[in-house]
Amino acid sequence: MKTTAISTLKASLSRYLGIVKAGEEVVITDRGKPVAKIVPLERGELKIPPHLVDLERSGLVHIGSGKITKGFWELPRPKDLRGSALEALLKERETAR
């Protein structure tokens, strides 16, 4: 559990929120006395599958808002000149089920 003063928290809020996202609690002090605690939300409160929460905490993925920008579907598709996407899909189909 980390402990920090209000002034330090104000100056480095993003850093401390990163600590909380990683699953650690942060106690906030005012003149050396604890006044509050920032704790990570429980998985049930997030409505996000637990495996995705674990991946985000480890820094492997970023969970987005779920909203797609206007015009997304009209954007040109990226070119896959080597066909690696199709190859991966076909391999997955062979090994699945």
N, C-alpha and C. Protein backbone atom coordinates (compact mmCIF):
# COMPACT_ATOMS: atom_id res chain seq x y z
N MET A 1 0.85 -1.17 0.00
CA MET A 1 0.00 0.00 0.00
C MET A 1 0.90 1.24 0.00
N LYS A 2 0.63 2.14 -0.93
CA LYS A 2 1.38 3.40 -1.02
C LYS A 2 0.70 4.46 -0.17
N THR A 3 1.48 5.41 0.29
CA THR A 3 0.97 6.54 1.04
C THR A 3 1.53 7.81 0.41
N THR A 4 0.67 8.83 0.28
CA THR A 4 1.11 10.08 -0.31
C THR A 4 0.35 11.26 0.28
N ALA A 5 0.99 12.41 0.28
CA ALA A 5 0.35 13.64 0.74
C ALA A 5 -0.56 14.18 -0.34
N ILE A 6 -1.54 14.97 0.05
CA ILE A 6 -2.47 15.57 -0.91
C ILE A 6 -1.72 16.35 -1.98
N SER A 7 -0.74 17.14 -1.56
CA SER A 7 0.00 17.97 -2.53
C SER A 7 0.73 17.11 -3.56
N THR A 8 1.31 16.00 -3.11
CA THR A 8 2.01 15.11 -4.04
C THR A 8 1.01 14.43 -4.97
N LEU A 9 -0.13 14.04 -4.43
CA LEU A 9 -1.16 13.41 -5.25
C LEU A 9 -1.64 14.37 -6.34
N LYS A 10 -1.85 15.63 -5.97
CA LYS A 10 -2.29 16.62 -6.96
C LYS A 10 -1.26 16.80 -8.07
N ALA A 11 0.00 16.77 -7.71
CA ALA A 11 1.06 16.98 -8.69
C ALA A 11 1.30 15.75 -9.57
N SER A 12 0.96 14.56 -9.06
CA SER A 12 1.26 13.31 -9.79
C SER A 12 0.05 12.38 -9.84
N LEU A 13 -1.12 12.93 -10.11
CA LEU A 13 -2.34 12.13 -10.07
C LEU A 13 -2.28 10.95 -11.05
N SER A 14 -1.81 11.18 -12.26
CA SER A 14 -1.77 10.10 -13.25
C SER A 14 -0.91 8.94 -12.77
N ARG A 15 0.21 9.25 -12.15
CA ARG A 15 1.10 8.20 -11.64
C ARG A 15 0.39 7.36 -10.58
N TYR A 16 -0.30 8.03 -9.65
CA TYR A 16 -0.97 7.30 -8.59
C TYR A 16 -2.19 6.52 -9.11
N LEU A 17 -2.87 7.05 -10.11
CA LEU A 17 -3.98 6.30 -10.71
C LEU A 17 -3.45 5.05 -11.42
N GLY A 18 -2.27 5.14 -11.99
CA GLY A 18 -1.63 3.96 -12.59
C GLY A 18 -1.35 2.90 -11.54
N ILE A 19 -0.92 3.33 -10.37
CA ILE A 19 -0.67 2.39 -9.26
C ILE A 19 -1.98 1.71 -8.86
N VAL A 20 -3.05 2.49 -8.78
CA VAL A 20 -4.35 1.92 -8.41
C VAL A 20 -4.85 0.97 -9.49
N LYS A 21 -4.67 1.34 -10.76
CA LYS A 21 -5.08 0.45 -11.85
C LYS A 21 -4.34 -0.88 -11.80
N ALA A 22 -3.11 -0.84 -11.30
CA ALA A 22 -2.32 -2.06 -11.17
C ALA A 22 -2.76 -2.92 -9.99
N GLY A 23 -3.75 -2.43 -9.23
CA GLY A 23 -4.31 -3.24 -8.14
C GLY A 23 -3.88 -2.84 -6.75
N GLU A 24 -3.08 -1.80 -6.62
CA GLU A 24 -2.59 -1.39 -5.30
C GLU A 24 -3.44 -0.25 -4.74
N GLU A 25 -3.55 -0.19 -3.42
CA GLU A 25 -4.28 0.89 -2.76
C GLU A 25 -3.33 2.04 -2.47
N VAL A 26 -3.89 3.27 -2.46
CA VAL A 26 -3.10 4.45 -2.14
C VAL A 26 -3.81 5.21 -1.01
N VAL A 27 -3.10 5.46 0.08
CA VAL A 27 -3.64 6.22 1.21
C VAL A 27 -3.19 7.66 1.06
N ILE A 28 -4.16 8.60 1.19
CA ILE A 28 -3.86 10.02 1.06
C ILE A 28 -3.81 10.62 2.46
N THR A 29 -2.75 11.39 2.70
CA THR A 29 -2.58 12.00 4.02
C THR A 29 -2.67 13.52 3.93
N ASP A 30 -3.12 14.13 5.01
CA ASP A 30 -3.16 15.58 5.15
C ASP A 30 -2.38 15.92 6.41
N ARG A 31 -1.24 16.54 6.22
CA ARG A 31 -0.32 16.87 7.32
C ARG A 31 0.05 15.62 8.13
N GLY A 32 0.28 14.53 7.39
CA GLY A 32 0.74 13.30 8.01
C GLY A 32 -0.34 12.38 8.54
N LYS A 33 -1.60 12.82 8.50
CA LYS A 33 -2.69 11.98 9.00
C LYS A 33 -3.51 11.44 7.84
N PRO A 34 -3.78 10.14 7.84
CA PRO A 34 -4.57 9.55 6.76
C PRO A 34 -5.98 10.14 6.72
N VAL A 35 -6.42 10.52 5.51
CA VAL A 35 -7.76 11.10 5.37
C VAL A 35 -8.61 10.37 4.33
N ALA A 36 -7.97 9.65 3.43
CA ALA A 36 -8.73 8.96 2.38
C ALA A 36 -7.89 7.82 1.81
N LYS A 37 -8.58 6.96 1.06
CA LYS A 37 -7.90 5.85 0.42
C LYS A 37 -8.49 5.68 -0.98
N ILE A 38 -7.61 5.52 -1.97
CA ILE A 38 -8.05 5.21 -3.33
C ILE A 38 -7.81 3.72 -3.52
N VAL A 39 -8.87 3.01 -3.87
CA VAL A 39 -8.77 1.56 -4.05
C VAL A 39 -9.26 1.19 -5.45
N PRO A 40 -8.70 0.13 -6.03
CA PRO A 40 -9.18 -0.31 -7.35
C PRO A 40 -10.60 -0.84 -7.25
N LEU A 41 -11.36 -0.68 -8.31
CA LEU A 41 -12.71 -1.23 -8.35
C LEU A 41 -12.65 -2.74 -8.42
N GLU A 42 -13.65 -3.37 -7.84
CA GLU A 42 -13.76 -4.82 -7.93
C GLU A 42 -14.16 -5.19 -9.35
N ARG A 43 -13.81 -6.37 -9.77
CA ARG A 43 -14.13 -6.81 -11.14
C ARG A 43 -15.61 -6.71 -11.45
N GLY A 44 -16.45 -7.05 -10.49
CA GLY A 44 -17.89 -7.00 -10.71
C GLY A 44 -18.39 -5.59 -10.96
N GLU A 45 -17.71 -4.61 -10.40
CA GLU A 45 -18.10 -3.22 -10.58
C GLU A 45 -17.72 -2.69 -11.96
N LEU A 46 -16.75 -3.31 -12.59
CA LEU A 46 -16.25 -2.83 -13.88
C LEU A 46 -17.06 -3.32 -15.07
N LYS A 47 -17.76 -4.43 -14.92
CA LYS A 47 -18.50 -5.06 -16.03
C LYS A 47 -17.58 -5.39 -17.20
N ILE A 48 -16.36 -5.74 -16.89
CA ILE A 48 -15.36 -6.13 -17.89
C ILE A 48 -14.90 -7.53 -17.52
N PRO A 49 -14.75 -8.41 -18.52
CA PRO A 49 -14.30 -9.77 -18.20
C PRO A 49 -12.98 -9.76 -17.41
N PRO A 50 -12.88 -10.62 -16.41
CA PRO A 50 -11.70 -10.64 -15.54
C PRO A 50 -10.38 -10.81 -16.29
N HIS A 51 -10.36 -11.61 -17.36
CA HIS A 51 -9.10 -11.81 -18.07
C HIS A 51 -8.63 -10.52 -18.74
N LEU A 52 -9.56 -9.68 -19.19
CA LEU A 52 -9.17 -8.40 -19.78
C LEU A 52 -8.65 -7.44 -18.72
N VAL A 53 -9.26 -7.46 -17.54
CA VAL A 53 -8.77 -6.61 -16.45
C VAL A 53 -7.35 -7.00 -16.09
N ASP A 54 -7.07 -8.32 -16.02
CA ASP A 54 -5.72 -8.79 -15.72
C ASP A 54 -4.73 -8.35 -16.78
N LEU A 55 -5.13 -8.46 -18.05
CA LEU A 55 -4.24 -8.04 -19.14
C LEU A 55 -3.96 -6.54 -19.09
N GLU A 56 -4.99 -5.75 -18.75
CA GLU A 56 -4.77 -4.30 -18.66
C GLU A 56 -3.85 -3.96 -17.49
N ARG A 57 -4.05 -4.62 -16.37
CA ARG A 57 -3.20 -4.37 -15.20
C ARG A 57 -1.75 -4.72 -15.48
N SER A 58 -1.53 -5.73 -16.32
CA SER A 58 -0.16 -6.09 -16.65
C SER A 58 0.41 -5.24 -17.79
N GLY A 59 -0.42 -4.35 -18.34
CA GLY A 59 0.06 -3.43 -19.37
C GLY A 59 0.05 -3.99 -20.78
N LEU A 60 -0.61 -5.13 -21.00
CA LEU A 60 -0.60 -5.75 -22.32
C LEU A 60 -1.70 -5.23 -23.23
N VAL A 61 -2.81 -4.73 -22.65
CA VAL A 61 -3.90 -4.18 -23.45
C VAL A 61 -4.40 -2.89 -22.81
N HIS A 62 -5.15 -2.14 -23.58
CA HIS A 62 -5.82 -0.95 -23.06
C HIS A 62 -7.30 -1.12 -23.34
N ILE A 63 -8.12 -1.09 -22.31
CA ILE A 63 -9.56 -1.27 -22.47
C ILE A 63 -10.15 0.07 -22.88
N GLY A 64 -10.76 0.10 -24.04
CA GLY A 64 -11.32 1.33 -24.58
C GLY A 64 -12.71 1.62 -24.05
N SER A 65 -13.31 2.66 -24.59
CA SER A 65 -14.64 3.08 -24.15
C SER A 65 -15.73 2.27 -24.82
N GLY A 66 -15.40 1.58 -25.91
CA GLY A 66 -16.40 0.81 -26.63
C GLY A 66 -17.10 1.59 -27.71
N LYS A 67 -16.72 2.83 -27.89
CA LYS A 67 -17.36 3.67 -28.91
C LYS A 67 -16.44 3.78 -30.13
N ILE A 68 -17.03 3.68 -31.30
CA ILE A 68 -16.29 3.81 -32.55
C ILE A 68 -16.55 5.20 -33.11
N THR A 69 -15.50 5.82 -33.61
CA THR A 69 -15.65 7.17 -34.15
C THR A 69 -16.52 7.16 -35.40
N LYS A 70 -17.17 8.28 -35.64
CA LYS A 70 -18.02 8.42 -36.82
C LYS A 70 -17.16 8.26 -38.07
N GLY A 71 -17.64 7.51 -39.02
CA GLY A 71 -16.91 7.29 -40.26
C GLY A 71 -15.91 6.15 -40.19
N PHE A 72 -15.86 5.42 -39.08
CA PHE A 72 -14.89 4.33 -38.93
C PHE A 72 -15.04 3.29 -40.04
N TRP A 73 -16.28 2.91 -40.35
CA TRP A 73 -16.50 1.84 -41.31
C TRP A 73 -16.21 2.26 -42.75
N GLU A 74 -16.08 3.56 -42.97
CA GLU A 74 -15.74 4.04 -44.31
C GLU A 74 -14.22 4.15 -44.54
N LEU A 75 -13.43 3.97 -43.49
CA LEU A 75 -11.98 4.05 -43.62
C LEU A 75 -11.47 2.91 -44.51
N PRO A 76 -10.39 3.15 -45.27
CA PRO A 76 -9.84 2.08 -46.10
C PRO A 76 -9.22 0.99 -45.22
N ARG A 77 -9.36 -0.24 -45.65
CA ARG A 77 -8.78 -1.37 -44.91
C ARG A 77 -7.27 -1.39 -45.11
N PRO A 78 -6.53 -1.78 -44.08
CA PRO A 78 -5.08 -1.90 -44.25
C PRO A 78 -4.76 -3.06 -45.20
N LYS A 79 -3.71 -2.91 -45.96
CA LYS A 79 -3.32 -3.94 -46.92
C LYS A 79 -2.47 -5.01 -46.21
N ASP A 80 -2.75 -6.26 -46.54
CA ASP A 80 -2.00 -7.39 -45.99
C ASP A 80 -1.36 -8.11 -47.18
N LEU A 81 -0.26 -7.55 -47.64
CA LEU A 81 0.37 -8.03 -48.87
C LEU A 81 0.86 -9.47 -48.76
N ARG A 82 1.29 -9.88 -47.57
CA ARG A 82 1.81 -11.24 -47.39
C ARG A 82 0.71 -12.25 -47.07
N GLY A 83 -0.51 -11.79 -46.84
CA GLY A 83 -1.60 -12.70 -46.53
C GLY A 83 -1.49 -13.32 -45.15
N SER A 84 -0.78 -12.68 -44.24
CA SER A 84 -0.56 -13.27 -42.91
C SER A 84 -1.84 -13.33 -42.09
N ALA A 85 -2.76 -12.40 -42.30
CA ALA A 85 -4.03 -12.44 -41.56
C ALA A 85 -4.85 -13.65 -41.98
N LEU A 86 -4.94 -13.88 -43.28
CA LEU A 86 -5.67 -15.05 -43.78
C LEU A 86 -5.01 -16.34 -43.32
N GLU A 87 -3.70 -16.38 -43.37
CA GLU A 87 -2.96 -17.57 -42.93
C GLU A 87 -3.24 -17.87 -41.45
N ALA A 88 -3.23 -16.84 -40.63
CA ALA A 88 -3.49 -17.03 -39.20
C ALA A 88 -4.92 -17.51 -38.97
N LEU A 89 -5.86 -16.96 -39.73
CA LEU A 89 -7.26 -17.37 -39.59
C LEU A 89 -7.44 -18.84 -39.97
N LEU A 90 -6.83 -19.23 -41.07
CA LEU A 90 -6.94 -20.64 -41.51
C LEU A 90 -6.30 -21.60 -40.52
N LYS A 91 -5.16 -21.19 -39.94
CA LYS A 91 -4.51 -22.04 -38.91
C LYS A 91 -5.39 -22.19 -37.70
N GLU A 92 -6.01 -21.08 -37.29
CA GLU A 92 -6.89 -21.12 -36.12
C GLU A 92 -8.09 -22.02 -36.39
N ARG A 93 -8.63 -21.96 -37.58
CA ARG A 93 -9.77 -22.81 -37.92
C ARG A 93 -9.40 -24.29 -37.90
N GLU A 94 -8.19 -24.61 -38.33
CA GLU A 94 -7.73 -26.00 -38.34
C GLU A 94 -7.58 -26.55 -36.93
N THR A 95 -7.07 -25.74 -36.00
CA THR A 95 -6.79 -26.22 -34.64
C THR A 95 -8.00 -26.13 -33.73
N ALA A 96 -8.98 -25.31 -34.07
CA ALA A 96 -10.15 -25.14 -33.20
C ALA A 96 -11.12 -26.29 -33.42
N ARG A 97 -11.79 -26.67 -32.35
CA ARG A 97 -12.81 -27.71 -32.35
C ARG A 97 -12.25 -28.99 -32.77
